[in-house]
Amino acid sequence: MAEAVAKPRSRLLFLLPVAVFVGLAALFVFRLGGGDPSRIPSALIGKPAPAFALPALEGLTADGKPVPGFSNEDLKGRVTVVNVWASWCAPCRQEHPLLVELAKDPSVRLVGINQKDNPDNARRFLGALGNPFAAVGTDSNGRVSIDWGVYGVPETFIVGPDGVIRHKHIGPLTPETLPAFKARLKEIPPA
C-alpha cells in the first residue's frame, strides 16, 4: 500500500519542476516576442535635460564658420531635436539622410551629441554624408550620454523650449518611424 502512494507522489515531484519550467519558458517567450523594443520607457521624459556642457567637434565648420558645441542651456528657447550618434555606428549611417531632410525644415533645430568617437572619423562622416546639425557636442567618454539615459547609438530626443525632454526615440529613425516622430514634434508648442 505504501508503495502505491509513493509512485503518484514521485510522479508529482518529477512533473512539478517540468511544469514550472514550461510556465517560465512560456512567460519569457510571451514577454520577448511582444512589444516594440524602441518603446523602452525613459525616466527622463517630462524632466529637464541633464546639466552638461559639450565642447565642439574640433575642426568642424559650416559656411566657413566653426560649428559650436552646446550645453543644456542652449536647448532652451525653442523645440530642439538632439541626436546621439557616432561614425562607427552603422544604423547612424542609415538614418543620416533622414536627419539631413529633417534639418531642412526651418521649424526644426537639430543638434548632435557625438559619442565616444574619433574626431577625424566624425568629421569625415559628416563631410561625406552632410552635416544636418546646428551644433555638435563631443562626448568623448560617454558620460553625458549616460546622463541622458542612452542605451546605445543612435537615439534621438525631442526637447521642448522649456528645456524639458518630451520624447525619446531609441534606434535609428527610419522612413516608417519618421512620420510619427514628426507628429510628436508638431505636438510641442513653440516658445
C-alpha atoms as a PDB file:
ATOM      1  CA  MET A   1       0.000   0.000   0.000  1.00  0.00           C
ATOM      2  CA  ALA A   2       2.817   2.376   0.873  1.00  0.00           C
ATOM      3  CA  GLU A   3       4.385   1.581  -2.481  1.00  0.00           C
ATOM      4  CA  ALA A   4       1.190   2.599  -4.351  1.00  0.00           C
ATOM      5  CA  VAL A   5       1.128   6.002  -2.607  1.00  0.00           C
ATOM      6  CA  ALA A   6       4.843   6.601  -3.295  1.00  0.00           C
ATOM      7  CA  LYS A   7       4.511   6.184  -7.109  1.00  0.00           C
ATOM      8  CA  PRO A   8       1.960   9.011  -7.656  1.00  0.00           C
ATOM      9  CA  ARG A   9       3.894  11.214  -5.253  1.00  0.00           C
ATOM     10  CA  SER A  10       7.195  10.595  -7.080  1.00  0.00           C
ATOM     11  CA  ARG A  11       5.472  11.346 -10.412  1.00  0.00           C
ATOM     12  CA  LEU A  12       4.131  14.580  -8.964  1.00  0.00           C
ATOM     13  CA  LEU A  13       7.596  15.557  -7.711  1.00  0.00           C
ATOM     14  CA  PHE A  14       9.005  14.820 -11.161  1.00  0.00           C
ATOM     15  CA  LEU A  15       6.309  16.787 -13.015  1.00  0.00           C
ATOM     16  CA  LEU A  16       6.374  19.844 -10.746  1.00  0.00           C
ATOM     17  CA  PRO A  17       9.774  21.178 -11.961  1.00  0.00           C
ATOM     18  CA  VAL A  18       8.812  20.422 -15.557  1.00  0.00           C
ATOM     19  CA  ALA A  19       5.547  22.369 -15.148  1.00  0.00           C
ATOM     20  CA  VAL A  20       7.393  25.304 -13.556  1.00  0.00           C
ATOM     21  CA  PHE A  21       9.954  25.297 -16.377  1.00  0.00           C
ATOM     22  CA  VAL A  22       7.274  25.217 -19.082  1.00  0.00           C
ATOM     23  CA  GLY A  23       5.419  28.074 -17.370  1.00  0.00           C
ATOM     24  CA  LEU A  24       8.542  30.245 -17.138  1.00  0.00           C
ATOM     25  CA  ALA A  25       9.501  29.454 -20.741  1.00  0.00           C
ATOM     26  CA  ALA A  26       6.042  30.497 -21.930  1.00  0.00           C
ATOM     27  CA  LEU A  27       6.283  33.737 -19.926  1.00  0.00           C
ATOM     28  CA  PHE A  28       9.704  34.576 -21.415  1.00  0.00           C
ATOM     29  CA  VAL A  29       8.533  33.866 -24.967  1.00  0.00           C
ATOM     30  CA  PHE A  30       5.432  35.995 -24.440  1.00  0.00           C
ATOM     31  CA  ARG A  31       7.401  38.943 -22.986  1.00  0.00           C
ATOM     32  CA  LEU A  32      10.263  38.777 -25.506  1.00  0.00           C
ATOM     33  CA  GLY A  33       8.013  38.436 -28.529  1.00  0.00           C
ATOM     34  CA  GLY A  34       5.604  41.192 -27.605  1.00  0.00           C
ATOM     35  CA  GLY A  35       6.046  44.913 -27.838  1.00  0.00           C
ATOM     36  CA  ASP A  36       8.194  47.377 -29.689  1.00  0.00           C
ATOM     37  CA  PRO A  37      11.816  47.450 -28.448  1.00  0.00           C
ATOM     38  CA  SER A  38      12.083  51.139 -29.367  1.00  0.00           C
ATOM     39  CA  ARG A  39       9.428  51.912 -26.750  1.00  0.00           C
ATOM     40  CA  ILE A  40      11.629  51.374 -23.707  1.00  0.00           C
ATOM     41  CA  PRO A  41      10.413  53.863 -21.116  1.00  0.00           C
ATOM     42  CA  SER A  42      12.718  56.710 -20.148  1.00  0.00           C
ATOM     43  CA  ALA A  43      12.790  58.122 -16.637  1.00  0.00           C
ATOM     44  CA  LEU A  44      13.790  61.483 -18.150  1.00  0.00           C
ATOM     45  CA  ILE A  45      10.596  62.116 -20.129  1.00  0.00           C
ATOM     46  CA  GLY A  46       8.935  65.169 -18.590  1.00  0.00           C
ATOM     47  CA  LYS A  47      12.106  66.225 -16.779  1.00  0.00           C
ATOM     48  CA  PRO A  48      14.671  68.915 -17.633  1.00  0.00           C
ATOM     49  CA  ALA A  49      17.601  67.830 -19.772  1.00  0.00           C
ATOM     50  CA  PRO A  50      20.552  66.926 -17.553  1.00  0.00           C
ATOM     51  CA  ALA A  51      23.143  69.628 -16.916  1.00  0.00           C
ATOM     52  CA  PHE A  52      26.050  69.326 -19.346  1.00  0.00           C
ATOM     53  CA  ALA A  53      28.428  71.341 -21.495  1.00  0.00           C
ATOM     54  CA  LEU A  54      29.980  69.635 -24.506  1.00  0.00           C
ATOM     55  CA  PRO A  55      32.887  71.057 -26.484  1.00  0.00           C
ATOM     56  CA  ALA A  56      32.608  71.477 -30.228  1.00  0.00           C
ATOM     57  CA  LEU A  57      33.848  68.810 -32.613  1.00  0.00           C
ATOM     58  CA  GLU A  58      37.248  70.309 -33.331  1.00  0.00           C
ATOM     59  CA  GLY A  59      37.746  71.370 -36.942  1.00  0.00           C
ATOM     60  CA  LEU A  60      34.093  71.007 -37.975  1.00  0.00           C
ATOM     61  CA  THR A  61      32.899  74.022 -39.979  1.00  0.00           C
ATOM     62  CA  ALA A  62      29.761  75.062 -41.834  1.00  0.00           C
ATOM     63  CA  ASP A  63      29.688  78.005 -44.221  1.00  0.00           C
ATOM     64  CA  GLY A  64      33.294  78.798 -43.243  1.00  0.00           C
ATOM     65  CA  LYS A  65      32.468  79.134 -39.527  1.00  0.00           C
ATOM     66  CA  PRO A  66      33.165  76.659 -36.715  1.00  0.00           C
ATOM     67  CA  VAL A  67      30.178  74.547 -35.703  1.00  0.00           C
ATOM     68  CA  PRO A  68      29.734  75.120 -31.951  1.00  0.00           C
ATOM     69  CA  GLY A  69      29.380  72.640 -29.139  1.00  0.00           C
ATOM     70  CA  PHE A  70      26.414  73.102 -26.827  1.00  0.00           C
ATOM     71  CA  SER A  71      25.074  72.781 -23.306  1.00  0.00           C
ATOM     72  CA  ASN A  72      21.728  72.134 -21.677  1.00  0.00           C
ATOM     73  CA  GLU A  73      21.167  75.908 -21.573  1.00  0.00           C
ATOM     74  CA  ASP A  74      21.339  76.010 -25.382  1.00  0.00           C
ATOM     75  CA  LEU A  75      18.327  73.681 -25.530  1.00  0.00           C
ATOM     76  CA  LYS A  76      16.016  76.332 -24.119  1.00  0.00           C
ATOM     77  CA  GLY A  77      14.038  78.819 -26.163  1.00  0.00           C
ATOM     78  CA  ARG A  78      12.799  76.582 -28.980  1.00  0.00           C
ATOM     79  CA  VAL A  79      11.986  72.972 -29.735  1.00  0.00           C
ATOM     80  CA  THR A  80      15.221  71.062 -30.328  1.00  0.00           C
ATOM     81  CA  VAL A  81      15.939  67.587 -31.647  1.00  0.00           C
ATOM     82  CA  VAL A  82      19.016  66.022 -30.022  1.00  0.00           C
ATOM     83  CA  ASN A  83      20.536  63.088 -31.917  1.00  0.00           C
ATOM     84  CA  VAL A  84      23.189  60.868 -30.284  1.00  0.00           C
ATOM     85  CA  TRP A  85      25.403  59.387 -32.995  1.00  0.00           C
ATOM     86  CA  ALA A  86      28.875  58.097 -33.885  1.00  0.00           C
ATOM     87  CA  SER A  87      30.780  57.488 -37.105  1.00  0.00           C
ATOM     88  CA  TRP A  88      31.377  53.837 -36.136  1.00  0.00           C
ATOM     89  CA  CYS A  89      27.616  53.211 -35.841  1.00  0.00           C
ATOM     90  CA  ALA A  90      26.124  51.512 -38.928  1.00  0.00           C
ATOM     91  CA  PRO A  91      22.489  52.412 -38.050  1.00  0.00           C
ATOM     92  CA  CYS A  92      23.611  56.054 -37.670  1.00  0.00           C
ATOM     93  CA  ARG A  93      24.772  55.975 -41.273  1.00  0.00           C
ATOM     94  CA  GLN A  94      21.413  54.504 -42.344  1.00  0.00           C
ATOM     95  CA  GLU A  95      19.347  57.179 -40.542  1.00  0.00           C
ATOM     96  CA  HIS A  96      21.593  60.114 -41.538  1.00  0.00           C
ATOM     97  CA  PRO A  97      19.794  61.006 -44.811  1.00  0.00           C
ATOM     98  CA  LEU A  98      16.562  61.360 -42.808  1.00  0.00           C
ATOM     99  CA  LEU A  99      18.289  63.736 -40.391  1.00  0.00           C
ATOM    100  CA  VAL A 100      19.559  65.797 -43.334  1.00  0.00           C
ATOM    101  CA  GLU A 101      15.975  66.026 -44.636  1.00  0.00           C
ATOM    102  CA  LEU A 102      14.604  66.829 -41.162  1.00  0.00           C
ATOM    103  CA  ALA A 103      17.123  69.669 -40.773  1.00  0.00           C
ATOM    104  CA  LYS A 104      15.785  71.342 -43.942  1.00  0.00           C
ATOM    105  CA  ASP A 105      12.600  72.180 -42.017  1.00  0.00           C
ATOM    106  CA  PRO A 106      13.186  75.710 -40.634  1.00  0.00           C
ATOM    107  CA  SER A 107      10.979  74.949 -37.625  1.00  0.00           C
ATOM    108  CA  VAL A 108      13.362  72.179 -36.512  1.00  0.00           C
ATOM    109  CA  ARG A 109      16.639  72.813 -34.691  1.00  0.00           C
ATOM    110  CA  LEU A 110      18.786  69.692 -34.808  1.00  0.00           C
ATOM    111  CA  VAL A 111      21.888  69.228 -32.649  1.00  0.00           C
ATOM    112  CA  GLY A 112      24.131  66.198 -32.270  1.00  0.00           C
ATOM    113  CA  ILE A 113      25.979  64.504 -29.464  1.00  0.00           C
ATOM    114  CA  ASN A 114      28.949  62.676 -30.984  1.00  0.00           C
ATOM    115  CA  GLN A 115      29.506  59.739 -28.616  1.00  0.00           C
ATOM    116  CA  LYS A 116      32.877  58.053 -27.997  1.00  0.00           C
ATOM    117  CA  ASP A 117      34.172  58.817 -31.463  1.00  0.00           C
ATOM    118  CA  ASN A 118      37.449  59.676 -33.126  1.00  0.00           C
ATOM    119  CA  PRO A 119      37.177  63.375 -34.141  1.00  0.00           C
ATOM    120  CA  ASP A 120      38.746  62.760 -37.567  1.00  0.00           C
ATOM    121  CA  ASN A 121      36.283  59.945 -38.285  1.00  0.00           C
ATOM    122  CA  ALA A 122      33.346  62.077 -37.091  1.00  0.00           C
ATOM    123  CA  ARG A 123      34.366  64.961 -39.378  1.00  0.00           C
ATOM    124  CA  ARG A 124      34.795  62.579 -42.334  1.00  0.00           C
ATOM    125  CA  PHE A 125      31.366  61.059 -41.609  1.00  0.00           C
ATOM    126  CA  LEU A 126      29.676  64.481 -41.681  1.00  0.00           C
ATOM    127  CA  GLY A 127      31.792  65.590 -44.651  1.00  0.00           C
ATOM    128  CA  ALA A 128      30.722  62.584 -46.696  1.00  0.00           C
ATOM    129  CA  LEU A 129      27.055  62.441 -45.677  1.00  0.00           C
ATOM    130  CA  GLY A 130      26.304  66.105 -44.929  1.00  0.00           C
ATOM    131  CA  ASN A 131      26.048  67.977 -41.651  1.00  0.00           C
ATOM    132  CA  PRO A 132      22.454  68.448 -40.526  1.00  0.00           C
ATOM    133  CA  PHE A 133      23.457  69.735 -37.081  1.00  0.00           C
ATOM    134  CA  ALA A 134      23.345  73.359 -35.910  1.00  0.00           C
ATOM    135  CA  ALA A 135      25.722  72.307 -33.106  1.00  0.00           C
ATOM    136  CA  VAL A 136      27.771  69.180 -32.428  1.00  0.00           C
ATOM    137  CA  GLY A 137      28.984  68.376 -28.934  1.00  0.00           C
ATOM    138  CA  THR A 138      31.746  65.854 -28.389  1.00  0.00           C
ATOM    139  CA  ASP A 139      31.033  63.296 -25.656  1.00  0.00           C
ATOM    140  CA  SER A 140      34.398  61.568 -25.792  1.00  0.00           C
ATOM    141  CA  ASN A 141      33.977  59.462 -22.636  1.00  0.00           C
ATOM    142  CA  GLY A 142      30.214  58.864 -22.968  1.00  0.00           C
ATOM    143  CA  ARG A 143      29.384  60.416 -19.590  1.00  0.00           C
ATOM    144  CA  VAL A 144      26.814  62.898 -20.954  1.00  0.00           C
ATOM    145  CA  SER A 145      25.140  60.119 -22.948  1.00  0.00           C
ATOM    146  CA  ILE A 146      24.823  58.094 -19.752  1.00  0.00           C
ATOM    147  CA  ASP A 147      23.246  61.096 -18.020  1.00  0.00           C
ATOM    148  CA  TRP A 148      20.714  61.254 -20.870  1.00  0.00           C
ATOM    149  CA  GLY A 149      19.905  57.560 -20.348  1.00  0.00           C
ATOM    150  CA  VAL A 150      21.243  56.485 -23.734  1.00  0.00           C
ATOM    151  CA  TYR A 151      21.201  52.702 -24.216  1.00  0.00           C
ATOM    152  CA  GLY A 152      23.119  52.791 -27.498  1.00  0.00           C
ATOM    153  CA  VAL A 153      23.514  54.886 -30.608  1.00  0.00           C
ATOM    154  CA  PRO A 154      21.581  56.202 -32.366  1.00  0.00           C
ATOM    155  CA  GLU A 155      18.981  57.681 -30.076  1.00  0.00           C
ATOM    156  CA  THR A 156      17.008  60.843 -30.712  1.00  0.00           C
ATOM    157  CA  PHE A 157      15.279  63.133 -28.228  1.00  0.00           C
ATOM    158  CA  ILE A 158      12.803  65.958 -28.563  1.00  0.00           C
ATOM    159  CA  VAL A 159      13.392  68.761 -26.054  1.00  0.00           C
ATOM    160  CA  GLY A 160      10.741  71.436 -25.536  1.00  0.00           C
ATOM    161  CA  PRO A 161      11.513  75.163 -25.467  1.00  0.00           C
ATOM    162  CA  ASP A 162      11.499  74.953 -21.657  1.00  0.00           C
ATOM    163  CA  GLY A 163      14.460  72.517 -21.755  1.00  0.00           C
ATOM    164  CA  VAL A 164      12.267  69.545 -20.782  1.00  0.00           C
ATOM    165  CA  ILE A 165      12.712  66.206 -22.574  1.00  0.00           C
ATOM    166  CA  ARG A 166       9.405  65.385 -24.261  1.00  0.00           C
ATOM    167  CA  HIS A 167      10.178  62.277 -26.313  1.00  0.00           C
ATOM    168  CA  LYS A 168      12.870  59.639 -26.775  1.00  0.00           C
ATOM    169  CA  HIS A 169      13.290  57.503 -29.890  1.00  0.00           C
ATOM    170  CA  ILE A 170      15.578  54.503 -29.457  1.00  0.00           C
ATOM    171  CA  GLY A 171      17.342  53.199 -32.542  1.00  0.00           C
ATOM    172  CA  PRO A 172      17.579  54.750 -35.966  1.00  0.00           C
ATOM    173  CA  LEU A 173      14.855  56.885 -37.429  1.00  0.00           C
ATOM    174  CA  THR A 174      13.506  55.105 -40.493  1.00  0.00           C
ATOM    175  CA  PRO A 175      11.125  56.056 -43.287  1.00  0.00           C
ATOM    176  CA  GLU A 176       8.469  54.122 -41.324  1.00  0.00           C
ATOM    177  CA  THR A 177       9.088  55.831 -37.950  1.00  0.00           C
ATOM    178  CA  LEU A 178       9.801  59.362 -39.208  1.00  0.00           C
ATOM    179  CA  PRO A 179       6.147  60.415 -39.733  1.00  0.00           C
ATOM    180  CA  ALA A 180       5.261  59.551 -36.107  1.00  0.00           C
ATOM    181  CA  PHE A 181       8.408  61.346 -34.924  1.00  0.00           C
ATOM    182  CA  LYS A 182       7.440  64.472 -36.902  1.00  0.00           C
ATOM    183  CA  ALA A 183       3.929  64.267 -35.451  1.00  0.00           C
ATOM    184  CA  ARG A 184       5.444  64.252 -31.941  1.00  0.00           C
ATOM    185  CA  LEU A 185       7.448  67.345 -32.889  1.00  0.00           C
ATOM    186  CA  LYS A 186       4.316  69.181 -34.008  1.00  0.00           C
ATOM    187  CA  GLU A 187       2.574  68.382 -30.705  1.00  0.00           C
ATOM    188  CA  ILE A 188       5.030  70.599 -28.805  1.00  0.00           C
ATOM    189  CA  PRO A 189       4.116  74.282 -28.904  1.00  0.00           C
ATOM    190  CA  PRO A 190       6.940  76.637 -29.899  1.00  0.00           C
ATOM    191  CA  ALA A 191       8.288  79.082 -27.340  1.00  0.00           C
END
